[in-house]
PDB file of N, CA and C in Angstrom:
ATOM      1  N   MET A   1      36.028  43.289  44.456  1.00  0.00           N
ATOM      2  CA  MET A   1      35.466  42.057  43.992  1.00  0.00           C
ATOM      3  C   MET A   1      36.575  41.248  43.267  1.00  0.00           C
ATOM      4  N   SER A   2      36.489  39.986  43.373  1.00  0.00           N
ATOM      5  CA  SER A   2      37.534  39.158  42.777  1.00  0.00           C
ATOM      6  C   SER A   2      37.222  38.754  41.327  1.00  0.00           C
ATOM      7  N   SER A   3      35.980  38.988  40.885  1.00  0.00           N
ATOM      8  CA  SER A   3      35.637  38.650  39.497  1.00  0.00           C
ATOM      9  C   SER A   3      34.467  39.492  39.020  1.00  0.00           C
ATOM     10  N   PRO A   4      34.336  39.646  37.694  1.00  0.00           N
ATOM     11  CA  PRO A   4      33.159  40.369  37.183  1.00  0.00           C
ATOM     12  C   PRO A   4      31.854  39.722  37.561  1.00  0.00           C
ATOM     13  N   GLN A   5      31.848  38.390  37.595  1.00  0.00           N
ATOM     14  CA  GLN A   5      30.609  37.679  37.968  1.00  0.00           C
ATOM     15  C   GLN A   5      30.220  38.013  39.408  1.00  0.00           C
ATOM     16  N   GLU A   6      31.185  38.084  40.299  1.00  0.00           N
ATOM     17  CA  GLU A   6      30.926  38.423  41.707  1.00  0.00           C
ATOM     18  C   GLU A   6      30.358  39.853  41.814  1.00  0.00           C
ATOM     19  N   ALA A   7      30.880  40.755  41.047  1.00  0.00           N
ATOM     20  CA  ALA A   7      30.415  42.129  41.052  1.00  0.00           C
ATOM     21  C   ALA A   7      28.973  42.220  40.556  1.00  0.00           C
ATOM     22  N   VAL A   8      28.664  41.512  39.458  1.00  0.00           N
ATOM     23  CA  VAL A   8      27.307  41.518  38.956  1.00  0.00           C
ATOM     24  C   VAL A   8      26.341  40.908  39.969  1.00  0.00           C
ATOM     25  N   GLY A   9      26.718  39.819  40.606  1.00  0.00           N
ATOM     26  CA  GLY A   9      25.877  39.190  41.622  1.00  0.00           C
ATOM     27  C   GLY A   9      25.660  40.111  42.800  1.00  0.00           C
ATOM     28  N   ALA A  10      26.684  40.788  43.246  1.00  0.00           N
ATOM     29  CA  ALA A  10      26.541  41.729  44.385  1.00  0.00           C
ATOM     30  C   ALA A  10      25.663  42.892  44.051  1.00  0.00           C
ATOM     31  N   ALA A  11      25.817  43.389  42.811  1.00  0.00           N
ATOM     32  CA  ALA A  11      24.987  44.531  42.360  1.00  0.00           C
ATOM     33  C   ALA A  11      23.518  44.213  42.357  1.00  0.00           C
ATOM     34  N   LYS A  12      23.179  42.961  42.114  1.00  0.00           N
ATOM     35  CA  LYS A  12      21.765  42.542  42.096  1.00  0.00           C
ATOM     36  C   LYS A  12      21.186  42.460  43.487  1.00  0.00           C
ATOM     37  N   LEU A  13      22.055  42.303  44.513  1.00  0.00           N
ATOM     38  CA  LEU A  13      21.576  42.166  45.908  1.00  0.00           C
ATOM     39  C   LEU A  13      21.471  43.497  46.608  1.00  0.00           C
ATOM     40  N   ILE A  14      22.114  44.503  46.117  1.00  0.00           N
ATOM     41  CA  ILE A  14      22.137  45.810  46.776  1.00  0.00           C
ATOM     42  C   ILE A  14      21.052  46.713  46.249  1.00  0.00           C
ATOM     43  N   ASP A  15      20.293  47.326  47.151  1.00  0.00           N
ATOM     44  CA  ASP A  15      19.295  48.318  46.747  1.00  0.00           C
ATOM     45  C   ASP A  15      19.939  49.682  46.662  1.00  0.00           C
ATOM     46  N   PHE A  16      20.216  50.166  45.456  1.00  0.00           N
ATOM     47  CA  PHE A  16      20.852  51.454  45.258  1.00  0.00           C
ATOM     48  C   PHE A  16      19.854  52.601  45.305  1.00  0.00           C
ATOM     49  N   LYS A  17      18.594  52.275  45.497  1.00  0.00           N
ATOM     50  CA  LYS A  17      17.495  53.270  45.546  1.00  0.00           C
ATOM     51  C   LYS A  17      17.438  54.115  44.257  1.00  0.00           C
ATOM     52  N   LEU A  18      17.649  53.439  43.120  1.00  0.00           N
ATOM     53  CA  LEU A  18      17.578  54.085  41.833  1.00  0.00           C
ATOM     54  C   LEU A  18      16.199  53.916  41.246  1.00  0.00           C
ATOM     55  N   PRO A  19      15.807  54.811  40.314  1.00  0.00           N
ATOM     56  CA  PRO A  19      14.509  54.620  39.660  1.00  0.00           C
ATOM     57  C   PRO A  19      14.472  53.279  38.925  1.00  0.00           C
ATOM     58  N   ALA A  20      13.269  52.773  38.705  1.00  0.00           N
ATOM     59  CA  ALA A  20      13.092  51.476  38.105  1.00  0.00           C
ATOM     60  C   ALA A  20      13.711  51.367  36.702  1.00  0.00           C
ATOM     61  N   ASN A  21      13.823  52.493  35.957  1.00  0.00           N
ATOM     62  CA  ASN A  21      14.327  52.445  34.606  1.00  0.00           C
ATOM     63  C   ASN A  21      15.842  52.616  34.537  1.00  0.00           C
ATOM     64  N   VAL A  22      16.532  52.583  35.671  1.00  0.00           N
ATOM     65  CA  VAL A  22      17.983  52.708  35.742  1.00  0.00           C
ATOM     66  C   VAL A  22      18.598  51.394  36.165  1.00  0.00           C
ATOM     67  N   ARG A  23      19.610  50.908  35.405  1.00  0.00           N
ATOM     68  CA  ARG A  23      20.281  49.669  35.711  1.00  0.00           C
ATOM     69  C   ARG A  23      21.651  49.947  36.287  1.00  0.00           C
ATOM     70  N   VAL A  24      22.111  49.091  37.200  1.00  0.00           N
ATOM     71  CA  VAL A  24      23.437  49.171  37.742  1.00  0.00           C
ATOM     72  C   VAL A  24      24.355  48.322  36.866  1.00  0.00           C
ATOM     73  N   LEU A  25      25.439  48.920  36.430  1.00  0.00           N
ATOM     74  CA  LEU A  25      26.415  48.195  35.575  1.00  0.00           C
ATOM     75  C   LEU A  25      27.765  48.234  36.230  1.00  0.00           C
ATOM     76  N   PRO A  26      28.182  47.166  36.826  1.00  0.00           N
ATOM     77  CA  PRO A  26      29.509  47.148  37.462  1.00  0.00           C
ATOM     78  C   PRO A  26      30.594  47.325  36.399  1.00  0.00           C
ATOM     79  N   GLU A  27      31.576  48.157  36.693  1.00  0.00           N
ATOM     80  CA  GLU A  27      32.693  48.419  35.757  1.00  0.00           C
ATOM     81  C   GLU A  27      33.998  48.290  36.531  1.00  0.00           C
ATOM     82  N   GLU A  28      35.032  47.952  35.811  1.00  0.00           N
ATOM     83  CA  GLU A  28      36.374  47.942  36.399  1.00  0.00           C
ATOM     84  C   GLU A  28      36.888  49.364  36.411  1.00  0.00           C
ATOM     85  N   ILE A  29      37.326  49.835  37.599  1.00  0.00           N
ATOM     86  CA  ILE A  29      37.785  51.222  37.697  1.00  0.00           C
ATOM     87  C   ILE A  29      39.025  51.481  36.841  1.00  0.00           C
ATOM     88  N   ASN A  30      39.829  50.461  36.578  1.00  0.00           N
ATOM     89  CA  ASN A  30      41.044  50.696  35.777  1.00  0.00           C
ATOM     90  C   ASN A  30      40.750  51.189  34.355  1.00  0.00           C
ATOM     91  N   ARG A  31      39.529  50.988  33.922  1.00  0.00           N
ATOM     92  CA  ARG A  31      39.142  51.497  32.567  1.00  0.00           C
ATOM     93  C   ARG A  31      39.053  53.018  32.582  1.00  0.00           C
ATOM     94  N   TYR A  32      38.897  53.626  33.759  1.00  0.00           N
ATOM     95  CA  TYR A  32      38.683  55.064  33.871  1.00  0.00           C
ATOM     96  C   TYR A  32      39.853  55.809  34.517  1.00  0.00           C
ATOM     97  N   VAL A  33      40.923  55.123  34.883  1.00  0.00           N
ATOM     98  CA  VAL A  33      42.002  55.756  35.594  1.00  0.00           C
ATOM     99  C   VAL A  33      42.605  56.907  34.763  1.00  0.00           C
ATOM    100  N   GLY A  34      42.809  56.708  33.482  1.00  0.00           N
ATOM    101  CA  GLY A  34      43.355  57.791  32.641  1.00  0.00           C
ATOM    102  C   GLY A  34      42.439  58.993  32.565  1.00  0.00           C
ATOM    103  N   ILE A  35      41.159  58.753  32.485  1.00  0.00           N
ATOM    104  CA  ILE A  35      40.182  59.853  32.462  1.00  0.00           C
ATOM    105  C   ILE A  35      40.197  60.613  33.773  1.00  0.00           C
ATOM    106  N   ILE A  36      40.203  59.876  34.890  1.00  0.00           N
ATOM    107  CA  ILE A  36      40.240  60.489  36.208  1.00  0.00           C
ATOM    108  C   ILE A  36      41.511  61.293  36.393  1.00  0.00           C
ATOM    109  N   ASP A  37      42.652  60.709  36.004  1.00  0.00           N
ATOM    110  CA  ASP A  37      43.934  61.404  36.127  1.00  0.00           C
ATOM    111  C   ASP A  37      43.904  62.727  35.380  1.00  0.00           C
ATOM    112  N   ASN A  38      43.416  62.698  34.134  1.00  0.00           N
ATOM    113  CA  ASN A  38      43.383  63.900  33.302  1.00  0.00           C
ATOM    114  C   ASN A  38      42.448  64.953  33.924  1.00  0.00           C
ATOM    115  N   TYR A  39      41.309  64.517  34.458  1.00  0.00           N
ATOM    116  CA  TYR A  39      40.377  65.441  35.083  1.00  0.00           C
ATOM    117  C   TYR A  39      41.014  66.085  36.290  1.00  0.00           C
ATOM    118  N   GLU A  40      41.688  65.283  37.161  1.00  0.00           N
ATOM    119  CA  GLU A  40      42.320  65.837  38.354  1.00  0.00           C
ATOM    120  C   GLU A  40      43.405  66.818  37.986  1.00  0.00           C
ATOM    121  N   ARG A  41      44.135  66.575  36.904  1.00  0.00           N
ATOM    122  CA  ARG A  41      45.170  67.502  36.455  1.00  0.00           C
ATOM    123  C   ARG A  41      44.594  68.821  36.009  1.00  0.00           C
ATOM    124  N   LEU A  42      43.436  68.791  35.321  1.00  0.00           N
ATOM    125  CA  LEU A  42      42.768  69.986  34.881  1.00  0.00           C
ATOM    126  C   LEU A  42      42.302  70.827  36.052  1.00  0.00           C
ATOM    127  N   ILE A  43      41.824  70.190  37.120  1.00  0.00           N
ATOM    128  CA  ILE A  43      41.387  70.941  38.287  1.00  0.00           C
ATOM    129  C   ILE A  43      42.562  71.689  38.881  1.00  0.00           C
ATOM    130  N   ARG A  44      43.739  71.056  39.000  1.00  0.00           N
ATOM    131  CA  ARG A  44      44.919  71.703  39.587  1.00  0.00           C
ATOM    132  C   ARG A  44      45.353  72.870  38.735  1.00  0.00           C
ATOM    133  N   LEU A  45      45.207  72.790  37.420  1.00  0.00           N
ATOM    134  CA  LEU A  45      45.596  73.866  36.561  1.00  0.00           C
ATOM    135  C   LEU A  45      44.706  75.069  36.705  1.00  0.00           C
ATOM    136  N   LYS A  46      43.465  74.860  36.984  1.00  0.00           N
ATOM    137  CA  LYS A  46      42.472  75.969  37.104  1.00  0.00           C
ATOM    138  C   LYS A  46      42.614  76.723  38.418  1.00  0.00           C
ATOM    139  N   ILE A  47      43.179  76.096  39.447  1.00  0.00           N
ATOM    140  CA  ILE A  47      43.260  76.690  40.782  1.00  0.00           C
ATOM    141  C   ILE A  47      44.343  77.755  40.813  1.00  0.00           C
TER     142      ILE A  47
END
């Protein structure tokens, strides 16, 4: 998506088949890159 507003608009149009009490919250993946990297490193260490 090119903007947060576009992501929010698209999320409203897609049926994610979630329960009525669950909301879709678009997030920028770059906020989680460090967490993902650390998690993937831990998996490699355990193998």
